[in-house]
Amino acid sequence: MSYPTIKCGVSEMPVVGLGTWQSKPGVVGAAVEKALSSGYKHIDCAHVYQNEAEIGEAFSKMFGEGGIKREDIFITSKLWNTFHRADEVEAACNTTLKNLQLDYLDLYLIHWPIATEPGKGTLFPVDDNNLAILDSKAPAFAETWGALEKLVEAGKCKNIGLSNFNIAQIEEVLSFAKIKPANLQVESHPHLPNLELLEFCKKNGMSFVAYSPLGNPGSVFRKEDQANLLQDEDVLKIAQKHGVSAGQVLIRYQVDKGNAVIPKSVTPSRIEENLKVFGFSLDTGDMETLNNLYKKVGPKGYRTCSVLHWKHSPFYPFSAEL
């Protein structure tokens, strides 16, 4: 099965991928195997998800006896906050490559614009008051990005990019980058359409990947009063019109905006369903409705993954929303 791609630096990125955030060890490997055997050609990973070793076992199996070619699959991972110093970056990438049992990544992202203190024996260092410990050396974006560029030169990553950066932060990286960011990955769904950010990326030749496209149902990050996109009456009306599920509408919404999208699931039937979004498309009226759904939940929409435990950082990307 072939399906659409978007340009991502020197590569083509399949527009629907499998997200693995919050996919627990013990089930994530089976989910990746199911996705690859169902026709997925894009898998999104990260060191901080703490499941890359199990995903690596699935890759080894599917790229061996599964008969799938590694070069046909687009694989992303991400540099965690405790490894932003230049002398930490390559080792962090090497760990990911070892865990995933790969020789290279198609895309390696700086996961967050926030650097936290390395060498504490944890990915989430906190002080006695349970406040995140920011990196005492506060490495500049230029330092971290320069180390990522060396990974491209070494053949360990085909493309490099950013995740959870705001426009001003991306502009800073663009000002000094020898290799321009190929991609931006951020939370995006009709309650947080990120239309200005998307337009900025298009103007600057960056592909756009939407995580949490269904609004993060069931996530520990959700607030009790958060509206459920999958139960929104407008979404359900559009789904009924096209004879598809609400989830498929929300995934197709990203595709029709020209984005790639990485819905997460470990349920076999849902993994299959999430890929079946190429037999219909949303019309102008549908898109207009979905682009304006955020107004139901507030003037700026609703961000599930607001990571308020880092809001004391000068690099916190969502300070304008506080």
C-alpha atoms as a PDB file:
ATOM      1  CA  MET A   1       0.000   0.000   0.000  1.00  0.00           C
ATOM      2  CA  SER A   2       1.264   3.478  -0.837  1.00  0.00           C
ATOM      3  CA  TYR A   3      -0.119   6.673   0.580  1.00  0.00           C
ATOM      4  CA  PRO A   4       0.727  10.383   0.438  1.00  0.00           C
ATOM      5  CA  THR A   5       3.921  11.943   1.696  1.00  0.00           C
ATOM      6  CA  ILE A   6       5.086  15.475   2.420  1.00  0.00           C
ATOM      7  CA  LYS A   7       8.588  16.814   1.905  1.00  0.00           C
ATOM      8  CA  CYS A   8      10.727  16.726   5.039  1.00  0.00           C
ATOM      9  CA  GLY A   9      14.192  18.084   4.339  1.00  0.00           C
ATOM     10  CA  VAL A  10      15.933  15.609   2.033  1.00  0.00           C
ATOM     11  CA  SER A  11      13.255  12.943   2.601  1.00  0.00           C
ATOM     12  CA  GLU A  12       9.588  12.217   1.980  1.00  0.00           C
ATOM     13  CA  MET A  13       7.568  11.751   5.168  1.00  0.00           C
ATOM     14  CA  PRO A  14       4.436   9.554   5.012  1.00  0.00           C
ATOM     15  CA  VAL A  15       1.544  11.672   6.224  1.00  0.00           C
ATOM     16  CA  VAL A  16       0.132   9.193   8.768  1.00  0.00           C
ATOM     17  CA  GLY A  17       2.415   7.629  11.339  1.00  0.00           C
ATOM     18  CA  LEU A  18       2.094   5.711  14.576  1.00  0.00           C
ATOM     19  CA  GLY A  19       2.748   7.713  17.724  1.00  0.00           C
ATOM     20  CA  THR A  20       4.317   5.841  20.651  1.00  0.00           C
ATOM     21  CA  TRP A  21       4.042   8.420  23.461  1.00  0.00           C
ATOM     22  CA  GLN A  22       2.285   6.888  26.494  1.00  0.00           C
ATOM     23  CA  SER A  23       2.401   3.430  24.879  1.00  0.00           C
ATOM     24  CA  LYS A  24       3.484   1.229  27.751  1.00  0.00           C
ATOM     25  CA  PRO A  25       6.248  -1.363  27.689  1.00  0.00           C
ATOM     26  CA  GLY A  26       4.783  -4.792  27.092  1.00  0.00           C
ATOM     27  CA  VAL A  27       2.338  -3.528  24.474  1.00  0.00           C
ATOM     28  CA  VAL A  28       4.225  -0.961  22.399  1.00  0.00           C
ATOM     29  CA  GLY A  29       6.246  -3.575  20.497  1.00  0.00           C
ATOM     30  CA  ALA A  30       3.119  -5.398  19.387  1.00  0.00           C
ATOM     31  CA  ALA A  31       1.580  -2.067  18.366  1.00  0.00           C
ATOM     32  CA  VAL A  32       4.569  -1.236  16.162  1.00  0.00           C
ATOM     33  CA  GLU A  33       4.497  -4.702  14.601  1.00  0.00           C
ATOM     34  CA  LYS A  34       0.774  -4.338  13.925  1.00  0.00           C
ATOM     35  CA  ALA A  35       1.269  -0.890  12.402  1.00  0.00           C
ATOM     36  CA  LEU A  36       4.067  -2.008  10.085  1.00  0.00           C
ATOM     37  CA  SER A  37       2.176  -5.120   8.988  1.00  0.00           C
ATOM     38  CA  SER A  38      -0.914  -2.938   8.350  1.00  0.00           C
ATOM     39  CA  GLY A  39       0.963  -0.638   5.973  1.00  0.00           C
ATOM     40  CA  TYR A  40       2.252   2.171   8.189  1.00  0.00           C
ATOM     41  CA  LYS A  41       5.511   3.617   6.902  1.00  0.00           C
ATOM     42  CA  HIS A  42       6.111   6.216   9.620  1.00  0.00           C
ATOM     43  CA  ILE A  43       6.871   5.518  13.299  1.00  0.00           C
ATOM     44  CA  ASP A  44       7.429   8.286  15.844  1.00  0.00           C
ATOM     45  CA  CYS A  45       9.614   7.577  18.890  1.00  0.00           C
ATOM     46  CA  ALA A  46      11.493   9.407  21.655  1.00  0.00           C
ATOM     47  CA  HIS A  47      14.062   8.511  24.291  1.00  0.00           C
ATOM     48  CA  VAL A  48      11.911   9.948  27.072  1.00  0.00           C
ATOM     49  CA  TYR A  49       9.036   7.580  26.262  1.00  0.00           C
ATOM     50  CA  GLN A  50      11.297   4.887  27.763  1.00  0.00           C
ATOM     51  CA  ASN A  51      10.058   2.244  25.338  1.00  0.00           C
ATOM     52  CA  GLU A  52      12.586   2.477  22.494  1.00  0.00           C
ATOM     53  CA  ALA A  53      14.302  -0.827  23.347  1.00  0.00           C
ATOM     54  CA  GLU A  54      11.038  -2.728  22.901  1.00  0.00           C
ATOM     55  CA  ILE A  55      10.322  -0.823  19.690  1.00  0.00           C
ATOM     56  CA  GLY A  56      13.811  -1.795  18.541  1.00  0.00           C
ATOM     57  CA  GLU A  57      12.974  -5.467  19.023  1.00  0.00           C
ATOM     58  CA  ALA A  58       9.870  -4.947  16.866  1.00  0.00           C
ATOM     59  CA  PHE A  59      11.949  -3.217  14.190  1.00  0.00           C
ATOM     60  CA  SER A  60      14.506  -6.025  14.209  1.00  0.00           C
ATOM     61  CA  LYS A  61      11.773  -8.598  13.757  1.00  0.00           C
ATOM     62  CA  MET A  62       9.844  -6.733  11.051  1.00  0.00           C
ATOM     63  CA  PHE A  63      12.956  -5.684   9.113  1.00  0.00           C
ATOM     64  CA  GLY A  64      14.121  -9.305   9.246  1.00  0.00           C
ATOM     65  CA  GLU A  65      11.555 -12.062   9.066  1.00  0.00           C
ATOM     66  CA  GLY A  66       8.756  -9.517   8.528  1.00  0.00           C
ATOM     67  CA  GLY A  67      10.113  -8.759   5.089  1.00  0.00           C
ATOM     68  CA  ILE A  68       9.838  -4.985   5.454  1.00  0.00           C
ATOM     69  CA  LYS A  69      12.702  -2.844   4.167  1.00  0.00           C
ATOM     70  CA  ARG A  70      14.202  -0.394   6.654  1.00  0.00           C
ATOM     71  CA  GLU A  71      14.596   2.219   3.918  1.00  0.00           C
ATOM     72  CA  ASP A  72      10.838   2.175   3.286  1.00  0.00           C
ATOM     73  CA  ILE A  73      10.023   3.267   6.854  1.00  0.00           C
ATOM     74  CA  PHE A  74      10.370   6.835   8.146  1.00  0.00           C
ATOM     75  CA  ILE A  75      11.540   6.767  11.769  1.00  0.00           C
ATOM     76  CA  THR A  76      11.722   9.775  14.081  1.00  0.00           C
ATOM     77  CA  SER A  77      13.228  10.107  17.533  1.00  0.00           C
ATOM     78  CA  LYS A  78      13.956  13.030  19.840  1.00  0.00           C
ATOM     79  CA  LEU A  79      16.759  14.473  21.945  1.00  0.00           C
ATOM     80  CA  TRP A  80      15.675  14.796  25.578  1.00  0.00           C
ATOM     81  CA  ASN A  81      16.068  17.903  27.747  1.00  0.00           C
ATOM     82  CA  THR A  82      18.918  16.522  29.871  1.00  0.00           C
ATOM     83  CA  PHE A  83      21.165  16.119  26.815  1.00  0.00           C
ATOM     84  CA  HIS A  84      21.233  19.621  25.302  1.00  0.00           C
ATOM     85  CA  ARG A  85      24.919  20.285  25.986  1.00  0.00           C
ATOM     86  CA  ALA A  86      27.049  19.736  22.891  1.00  0.00           C
ATOM     87  CA  ASP A  87      29.075  16.981  24.512  1.00  0.00           C
ATOM     88  CA  GLU A  88      25.891  15.058  25.431  1.00  0.00           C
ATOM     89  CA  VAL A  89      24.110  15.086  22.078  1.00  0.00           C
ATOM     90  CA  GLU A  90      25.952  12.395  20.116  1.00  0.00           C
ATOM     91  CA  ALA A  91      25.891   9.941  23.030  1.00  0.00           C
ATOM     92  CA  ALA A  92      22.140  10.508  23.393  1.00  0.00           C
ATOM     93  CA  CYS A  93      21.604   9.812  19.699  1.00  0.00           C
ATOM     94  CA  ASN A  94      23.819   6.724  19.902  1.00  0.00           C
ATOM     95  CA  THR A  95      21.697   5.400  22.780  1.00  0.00           C
ATOM     96  CA  THR A  96      18.542   5.844  20.734  1.00  0.00           C
ATOM     97  CA  LEU A  97      20.104   4.147  17.689  1.00  0.00           C
ATOM     98  CA  LYS A  98      21.257   1.242  19.849  1.00  0.00           C
ATOM     99  CA  ASN A  99      17.855   0.868  21.525  1.00  0.00           C
ATOM    100  CA  LEU A 100      15.980   1.076  18.216  1.00  0.00           C
ATOM    101  CA  GLN A 101      18.534  -1.262  16.571  1.00  0.00           C
ATOM    102  CA  LEU A 102      19.066   1.190  13.722  1.00  0.00           C
ATOM    103  CA  ASP A 103      22.040   2.610  11.833  1.00  0.00           C
ATOM    104  CA  TYR A 104      20.363   5.974  11.212  1.00  0.00           C
ATOM    105  CA  LEU A 105      17.259   8.042  11.950  1.00  0.00           C
ATOM    106  CA  ASP A 106      15.180   9.677   9.260  1.00  0.00           C
ATOM    107  CA  LEU A 107      14.484  12.581  11.618  1.00  0.00           C
ATOM    108  CA  TYR A 108      15.946  13.643  14.977  1.00  0.00           C
ATOM    109  CA  LEU A 109      14.204  16.445  16.855  1.00  0.00           C
ATOM    110  CA  ILE A 110      15.082  18.610  19.830  1.00  0.00           C
ATOM    111  CA  HIS A 111      12.127  17.454  21.942  1.00  0.00           C
ATOM    112  CA  TRP A 112      11.670  20.701  23.911  1.00  0.00           C
ATOM    113  CA  PRO A 113      13.397  24.096  23.921  1.00  0.00           C
ATOM    114  CA  ILE A 114      14.052  23.586  27.657  1.00  0.00           C
ATOM    115  CA  ALA A 115      17.341  22.177  28.948  1.00  0.00           C
ATOM    116  CA  THR A 116      17.348  20.448  32.336  1.00  0.00           C
ATOM    117  CA  GLU A 117      20.333  19.434  34.464  1.00  0.00           C
ATOM    118  CA  PRO A 118      22.239  16.359  33.247  1.00  0.00           C
ATOM    119  CA  GLY A 119      24.036  13.851  35.418  1.00  0.00           C
ATOM    120  CA  LYS A 120      21.331  13.489  38.051  1.00  0.00           C
ATOM    121  CA  GLY A 121      20.496   9.882  37.199  1.00  0.00           C
ATOM    122  CA  THR A 122      17.010  10.786  36.018  1.00  0.00           C
ATOM    123  CA  LEU A 123      15.302  12.246  32.955  1.00  0.00           C
ATOM    124  CA  PHE A 124      13.253  14.522  35.232  1.00  0.00           C
ATOM    125  CA  PRO A 125      15.628  16.144  37.759  1.00  0.00           C
ATOM    126  CA  VAL A 126      13.837  18.074  40.516  1.00  0.00           C
ATOM    127  CA  ASP A 127      14.972  19.933  43.627  1.00  0.00           C
ATOM    128  CA  ASP A 128      13.779  19.497  47.212  1.00  0.00           C
ATOM    129  CA  ASN A 129      10.674  21.513  46.376  1.00  0.00           C
ATOM    130  CA  ASN A 130       9.885  19.190  43.453  1.00  0.00           C
ATOM    131  CA  LEU A 131      10.716  21.974  40.994  1.00  0.00           C
ATOM    132  CA  ALA A 132      12.438  20.976  37.755  1.00  0.00           C
ATOM    133  CA  ILE A 133      16.187  21.692  37.866  1.00  0.00           C
ATOM    134  CA  LEU A 134      17.138  23.708  34.799  1.00  0.00           C
ATOM    135  CA  ASP A 135      20.539  23.140  33.188  1.00  0.00           C
ATOM    136  CA  SER A 136      23.081  25.178  35.162  1.00  0.00           C
ATOM    137  CA  LYS A 137      25.100  25.813  31.988  1.00  0.00           C
ATOM    138  CA  ALA A 138      21.966  26.834  30.032  1.00  0.00           C
ATOM    139  CA  PRO A 139      23.274  25.709  26.621  1.00  0.00           C
ATOM    140  CA  ALA A 140      22.128  28.017  23.844  1.00  0.00           C
ATOM    141  CA  PHE A 141      20.044  26.683  20.972  1.00  0.00           C
ATOM    142  CA  ALA A 142      23.072  27.256  18.720  1.00  0.00           C
ATOM    143  CA  GLU A 143      25.174  24.855  20.786  1.00  0.00           C
ATOM    144  CA  THR A 144      22.613  22.058  20.682  1.00  0.00           C
ATOM    145  CA  TRP A 145      21.729  22.618  17.035  1.00  0.00           C
ATOM    146  CA  GLY A 146      25.371  22.622  16.000  1.00  0.00           C
ATOM    147  CA  ALA A 147      25.766  19.198  17.611  1.00  0.00           C
ATOM    148  CA  LEU A 148      22.716  17.928  15.708  1.00  0.00           C
ATOM    149  CA  GLU A 149      24.184  19.196  12.457  1.00  0.00           C
ATOM    150  CA  LYS A 150      27.263  17.065  13.137  1.00  0.00           C
ATOM    151  CA  LEU A 151      24.984  14.027  13.439  1.00  0.00           C
ATOM    152  CA  VAL A 152      23.732  14.692   9.911  1.00  0.00           C
ATOM    153  CA  GLU A 153      27.306  15.032   8.670  1.00  0.00           C
ATOM    154  CA  ALA A 154      28.142  11.714  10.370  1.00  0.00           C
ATOM    155  CA  GLY A 155      25.234   9.956   8.650  1.00  0.00           C
ATOM    156  CA  LYS A 156      23.392   9.206  11.887  1.00  0.00           C
ATOM    157  CA  CYS A 157      20.384  11.383  10.983  1.00  0.00           C
ATOM    158  CA  LYS A 158      19.038  12.231   7.558  1.00  0.00           C
ATOM    159  CA  ASN A 159      17.104  15.244   8.820  1.00  0.00           C
ATOM    160  CA  ILE A 160      16.948  17.319  12.007  1.00  0.00           C
ATOM    161  CA  GLY A 161      14.183  19.456  13.411  1.00  0.00           C
ATOM    162  CA  LEU A 162      12.348  20.888  16.385  1.00  0.00           C
ATOM    163  CA  SER A 163       9.455  19.961  18.634  1.00  0.00           C
ATOM    164  CA  ASN A 164       7.366  22.227  20.890  1.00  0.00           C
ATOM    165  CA  PHE A 165       9.238  25.393  19.850  1.00  0.00           C
ATOM    166  CA  ASN A 166       7.315  28.649  19.375  1.00  0.00           C
ATOM    167  CA  ILE A 167       7.764  31.009  16.410  1.00  0.00           C
ATOM    168  CA  ALA A 168      10.352  33.255  18.090  1.00  0.00           C
ATOM    169  CA  GLN A 169      12.410  30.229  19.089  1.00  0.00           C
ATOM    170  CA  ILE A 170      12.275  28.753  15.594  1.00  0.00           C
ATOM    171  CA  GLU A 171      13.317  32.115  14.144  1.00  0.00           C
ATOM    172  CA  GLU A 172      16.360  32.077  16.434  1.00  0.00           C
ATOM    173  CA  VAL A 173      17.393  28.637  15.161  1.00  0.00           C
ATOM    174  CA  LEU A 174      16.836  29.704  11.550  1.00  0.00           C
ATOM    175  CA  SER A 175      19.127  32.702  12.111  1.00  0.00           C
ATOM    176  CA  PHE A 176      22.237  30.558  12.620  1.00  0.00           C
ATOM    177  CA  ALA A 177      21.413  27.085  11.260  1.00  0.00           C
ATOM    178  CA  LYS A 178      23.723  25.757   8.554  1.00  0.00           C
ATOM    179  CA  ILE A 179      21.264  22.899   8.084  1.00  0.00           C
ATOM    180  CA  LYS A 180      17.764  24.342   8.339  1.00  0.00           C
ATOM    181  CA  PRO A 181      15.177  22.597  10.524  1.00  0.00           C
ATOM    182  CA  ALA A 182      13.286  20.166   8.313  1.00  0.00           C
ATOM    183  CA  ASN A 183      10.340  19.727  10.641  1.00  0.00           C
ATOM    184  CA  LEU A 184       8.330  21.045  13.554  1.00  0.00           C
ATOM    185  CA  GLN A 185       6.304  18.659  15.692  1.00  0.00           C
ATOM    186  CA  VAL A 186       3.684  20.153  18.015  1.00  0.00           C
ATOM    187  CA  GLU A 187       0.339  19.374  19.593  1.00  0.00           C
ATOM    188  CA  SER A 188      -2.379  20.172  17.066  1.00  0.00           C
ATOM    189  CA  HIS A 189      -6.096  19.395  16.819  1.00  0.00           C
ATOM    190  CA  PRO A 190      -9.276  21.457  16.347  1.00  0.00           C
ATOM    191  CA  HIS A 191      -9.126  22.701  19.960  1.00  0.00           C
ATOM    192  CA  LEU A 192      -5.561  23.899  19.243  1.00  0.00           C
ATOM    193  CA  PRO A 193      -5.276  24.305  15.455  1.00  0.00           C
ATOM    194  CA  ASN A 194      -1.976  26.243  15.542  1.00  0.00           C
ATOM    195  CA  LEU A 195      -2.823  27.923  12.245  1.00  0.00           C
ATOM    196  CA  GLU A 196      -0.307  30.775  12.663  1.00  0.00           C
ATOM    197  CA  LEU A 197       2.477  28.321  13.501  1.00  0.00           C
ATOM    198  CA  LEU A 198       1.547  26.152  10.519  1.00  0.00           C
ATOM    199  CA  GLU A 199       1.639  29.137   8.175  1.00  0.00           C
ATOM    200  CA  PHE A 200       5.059  30.110   9.544  1.00  0.00           C
ATOM    201  CA  CYS A 201       6.394  26.606   8.903  1.00  0.00           C
ATOM    202  CA  LYS A 202       5.082  26.583   5.346  1.00  0.00           C
ATOM    203  CA  LYS A 203       6.744  29.943   4.629  1.00  0.00           C
ATOM    204  CA  ASN A 204      10.041  28.584   5.932  1.00  0.00           C
ATOM    205  CA  GLY A 205       9.965  25.229   4.161  1.00  0.00           C
ATOM    206  CA  MET A 206       9.419  23.172   7.312  1.00  0.00           C
ATOM    207  CA  SER A 207       7.128  20.163   7.409  1.00  0.00           C
ATOM    208  CA  PHE A 208       4.569  20.111  10.229  1.00  0.00           C
ATOM    209  CA  VAL A 209       3.679  17.062  12.311  1.00  0.00           C
ATOM    210  CA  ALA A 210       0.645  17.076  14.599  1.00  0.00           C
ATOM    211  CA  TYR A 211       0.860  15.049  17.808  1.00  0.00           C
ATOM    212  CA  SER A 212      -2.193  14.354  19.981  1.00  0.00           C
ATOM    213  CA  PRO A 213      -4.476  14.899  16.947  1.00  0.00           C
ATOM    214  CA  LEU A 214      -7.467  13.444  18.803  1.00  0.00           C
ATOM    215  CA  GLY A 215      -7.036  15.812  21.733  1.00  0.00           C
ATOM    216  CA  ASN A 216      -5.276  13.252  23.923  1.00  0.00           C
ATOM    217  CA  PRO A 217      -8.279  11.187  25.116  1.00  0.00           C
ATOM    218  CA  GLY A 218      -7.506   9.225  28.263  1.00  0.00           C
ATOM    219  CA  SER A 219      -4.208  11.020  28.888  1.00  0.00           C
ATOM    220  CA  VAL A 220      -3.021  11.813  32.404  1.00  0.00           C
ATOM    221  CA  PHE A 221      -2.370  15.325  31.101  1.00  0.00           C
ATOM    222  CA  ARG A 222      -6.065  15.981  30.472  1.00  0.00           C
ATOM    223  CA  LYS A 223      -7.957  18.160  32.904  1.00  0.00           C
ATOM    224  CA  GLU A 224     -11.259  16.996  34.341  1.00  0.00           C
ATOM    225  CA  ASP A 225     -13.250  19.703  32.553  1.00  0.00           C
ATOM    226  CA  GLN A 226     -11.569  19.220  29.166  1.00  0.00           C
ATOM    227  CA  ALA A 227     -14.056  18.769  26.344  1.00  0.00           C
ATOM    228  CA  ASN A 228     -13.744  15.510  24.411  1.00  0.00           C
ATOM    229  CA  LEU A 229     -13.149  16.143  20.713  1.00  0.00           C
ATOM    230  CA  LEU A 230     -14.305  12.632  19.836  1.00  0.00           C
ATOM    231  CA  GLN A 231     -17.726  13.492  21.269  1.00  0.00           C
ATOM    232  CA  ASP A 232     -18.023  16.990  19.788  1.00  0.00           C
ATOM    233  CA  GLU A 233     -21.321  17.320  17.932  1.00  0.00           C
ATOM    234  CA  ASP A 234     -19.751  19.110  14.955  1.00  0.00           C
ATOM    235  CA  VAL A 235     -17.066  16.445  14.594  1.00  0.00           C
ATOM    236  CA  LEU A 236     -19.705  13.720  14.827  1.00  0.00           C
ATOM    237  CA  LYS A 237     -21.849  15.413  12.150  1.00  0.00           C
ATOM    238  CA  ILE A 238     -18.888  15.550   9.757  1.00  0.00           C
ATOM    239  CA  ALA A 239     -18.086  11.913  10.542  1.00  0.00           C
ATOM    240  CA  GLN A 240     -21.650  10.854   9.815  1.00  0.00           C
ATOM    241  CA  LYS A 241     -21.646  12.806   6.548  1.00  0.00           C
ATOM    242  CA  HIS A 242     -18.571  10.934   5.315  1.00  0.00           C
ATOM    243  CA  GLY A 243     -19.434   7.557   6.857  1.00  0.00           C
ATOM    244  CA  VAL A 244     -16.297   7.466   8.995  1.00  0.00           C
ATOM    245  CA  SER A 245     -15.422   7.690  12.689  1.00  0.00           C
ATOM    246  CA  ALA A 246     -14.788  10.899  14.631  1.00  0.00           C
ATOM    247  CA  GLY A 247     -11.145   9.857  15.004  1.00  0.00           C
ATOM    248  CA  GLN A 248     -10.768   9.462  11.250  1.00  0.00           C
ATOM    249  CA  VAL A 249     -12.177  12.978  10.741  1.00  0.00           C
ATOM    250  CA  LEU A 250      -9.609  14.420  13.149  1.00  0.00           C
ATOM    251  CA  ILE A 251      -6.747  12.584  11.424  1.00  0.00           C
ATOM    252  CA  ARG A 252      -7.950  13.580   7.951  1.00  0.00           C
ATOM    253  CA  TYR A 253      -8.196  17.190   9.179  1.00  0.00           C
ATOM    254  CA  GLN A 254      -4.415  17.247   9.546  1.00  0.00           C
ATOM    255  CA  VAL A 255      -3.837  15.543   6.199  1.00  0.00           C
ATOM    256  CA  ASP A 256      -6.052  18.069   4.430  1.00  0.00           C
ATOM    257  CA  LYS A 257      -4.064  20.911   6.023  1.00  0.00           C
ATOM    258  CA  GLY A 258      -0.930  19.490   4.405  1.00  0.00           C
ATOM    259  CA  ASN A 259       0.457  18.095   7.648  1.00  0.00           C
ATOM    260  CA  ALA A 260       1.668  14.721   8.808  1.00  0.00           C
ATOM    261  CA  VAL A 261      -0.070  13.272  11.839  1.00  0.00           C
ATOM    262  CA  ILE A 262       0.911  10.643  14.420  1.00  0.00           C
ATOM    263  CA  PRO A 263      -2.115   9.220  16.267  1.00  0.00           C
ATOM    264  CA  LYS A 264      -1.135   6.904  19.103  1.00  0.00           C
ATOM    265  CA  SER A 265      -2.853   3.578  19.733  1.00  0.00           C
ATOM    266  CA  VAL A 266      -1.993   0.109  20.984  1.00  0.00           C
ATOM    267  CA  THR A 267      -5.393  -1.326  19.999  1.00  0.00           C
ATOM    268  CA  PRO A 268      -5.072  -3.371  16.774  1.00  0.00           C
ATOM    269  CA  SER A 269      -8.452  -2.365  15.334  1.00  0.00           C
ATOM    270  CA  ARG A 270      -7.800   1.317  16.062  1.00  0.00           C
ATOM    271  CA  ILE A 271      -4.317   1.153  14.549  1.00  0.00           C
ATOM    272  CA  GLU A 272      -5.898  -0.148  11.327  1.00  0.00           C
ATOM    273  CA  GLU A 273      -8.742   2.392  11.411  1.00  0.00           C
ATOM    274  CA  ASN A 274      -6.415   5.353  11.898  1.00  0.00           C
ATOM    275  CA  LEU A 275      -4.659   4.588   8.613  1.00  0.00           C
ATOM    276  CA  LYS A 276      -7.913   4.325   6.632  1.00  0.00           C
ATOM    277  CA  VAL A 277      -8.298   8.039   5.977  1.00  0.00           C
ATOM    278  CA  PHE A 278      -7.516   8.156   2.251  1.00  0.00           C
ATOM    279  CA  GLY A 279     -10.934   7.145   0.926  1.00  0.00           C
ATOM    280  CA  PHE A 280     -12.500  10.540   1.695  1.00  0.00           C
ATOM    281  CA  SER A 281     -11.513  14.165   2.079  1.00  0.00           C
ATOM    282  CA  LEU A 282     -12.978  17.068   3.995  1.00  0.00           C
ATOM    283  CA  ASP A 283     -14.619  19.879   2.053  1.00  0.00           C
ATOM    284  CA  THR A 284     -14.164  23.600   2.611  1.00  0.00           C
ATOM    285  CA  GLY A 285     -17.127  23.772   4.968  1.00  0.00           C
ATOM    286  CA  ASP A 286     -15.810  20.892   7.051  1.00  0.00           C
ATOM    287  CA  MET A 287     -12.401  22.523   7.348  1.00  0.00           C
ATOM    288  CA  GLU A 288     -13.907  25.871   8.297  1.00  0.00           C
ATOM    289  CA  THR A 289     -15.951  24.229  11.041  1.00  0.00           C
ATOM    290  CA  LEU A 290     -12.961  22.343  12.428  1.00  0.00           C
ATOM    291  CA  ASN A 291     -10.644  25.360  12.222  1.00  0.00           C
ATOM    292  CA  ASN A 292     -13.041  27.289  14.446  1.00  0.00           C
ATOM    293  CA  LEU A 293     -13.883  24.613  17.025  1.00  0.00           C
ATOM    294  CA  TYR A 294     -11.303  26.049  19.415  1.00  0.00           C
ATOM    295  CA  LYS A 295     -13.637  28.989  20.042  1.00  0.00           C
ATOM    296  CA  LYS A 296     -15.887  26.632  22.005  1.00  0.00           C
ATOM    297  CA  VAL A 297     -13.183  26.149  24.639  1.00  0.00           C
ATOM    298  CA  GLY A 298     -11.648  29.616  24.865  1.00  0.00           C
ATOM    299  CA  PRO A 299     -10.072  32.417  22.839  1.00  0.00           C
ATOM    300  CA  LYS A 300      -6.747  30.574  22.544  1.00  0.00           C
ATOM    301  CA  GLY A 301      -8.115  27.051  22.389  1.00  0.00           C
ATOM    302  CA  TYR A 302      -6.970  24.304  24.730  1.00  0.00           C
ATOM    303  CA  ARG A 303      -3.518  22.779  25.078  1.00  0.00           C
ATOM    304  CA  THR A 304      -3.380  19.370  26.753  1.00  0.00           C
ATOM    305  CA  CYS A 305       0.398  19.088  26.986  1.00  0.00           C
ATOM    306  CA  SER A 306       1.152  22.425  28.635  1.00  0.00           C
ATOM    307  CA  VAL A 307       4.052  21.085  30.790  1.00  0.00           C
ATOM    308  CA  LEU A 308       3.504  23.705  33.474  1.00  0.00           C
ATOM    309  CA  HIS A 309       6.226  22.108  35.610  1.00  0.00           C
ATOM    310  CA  TRP A 310       8.707  23.903  33.308  1.00  0.00           C
ATOM    311  CA  LYS A 311       6.987  27.290  33.227  1.00  0.00           C
ATOM    312  CA  HIS A 312       9.764  28.828  35.369  1.00  0.00           C
ATOM    313  CA  SER A 313      12.203  28.295  32.502  1.00  0.00           C
ATOM    314  CA  PRO A 314      12.992  31.368  30.368  1.00  0.00           C
ATOM    315  CA  PHE A 315      12.681  28.993  27.411  1.00  0.00           C
ATOM    316  CA  TYR A 316       9.156  27.826  28.292  1.00  0.00           C
ATOM    317  CA  PRO A 317       7.479  27.948  24.849  1.00  0.00           C
ATOM    318  CA  PHE A 318       3.890  28.642  25.867  1.00  0.00           C
ATOM    319  CA  SER A 319       4.308  31.643  28.175  1.00  0.00           C
ATOM    320  CA  ALA A 320       1.947  33.690  26.003  1.00  0.00           C
ATOM    321  CA  GLU A 321      -0.847  31.312  27.021  1.00  0.00           C
ATOM    322  CA  LEU A 322      -0.340  31.671  30.787  1.00  0.00           C
END
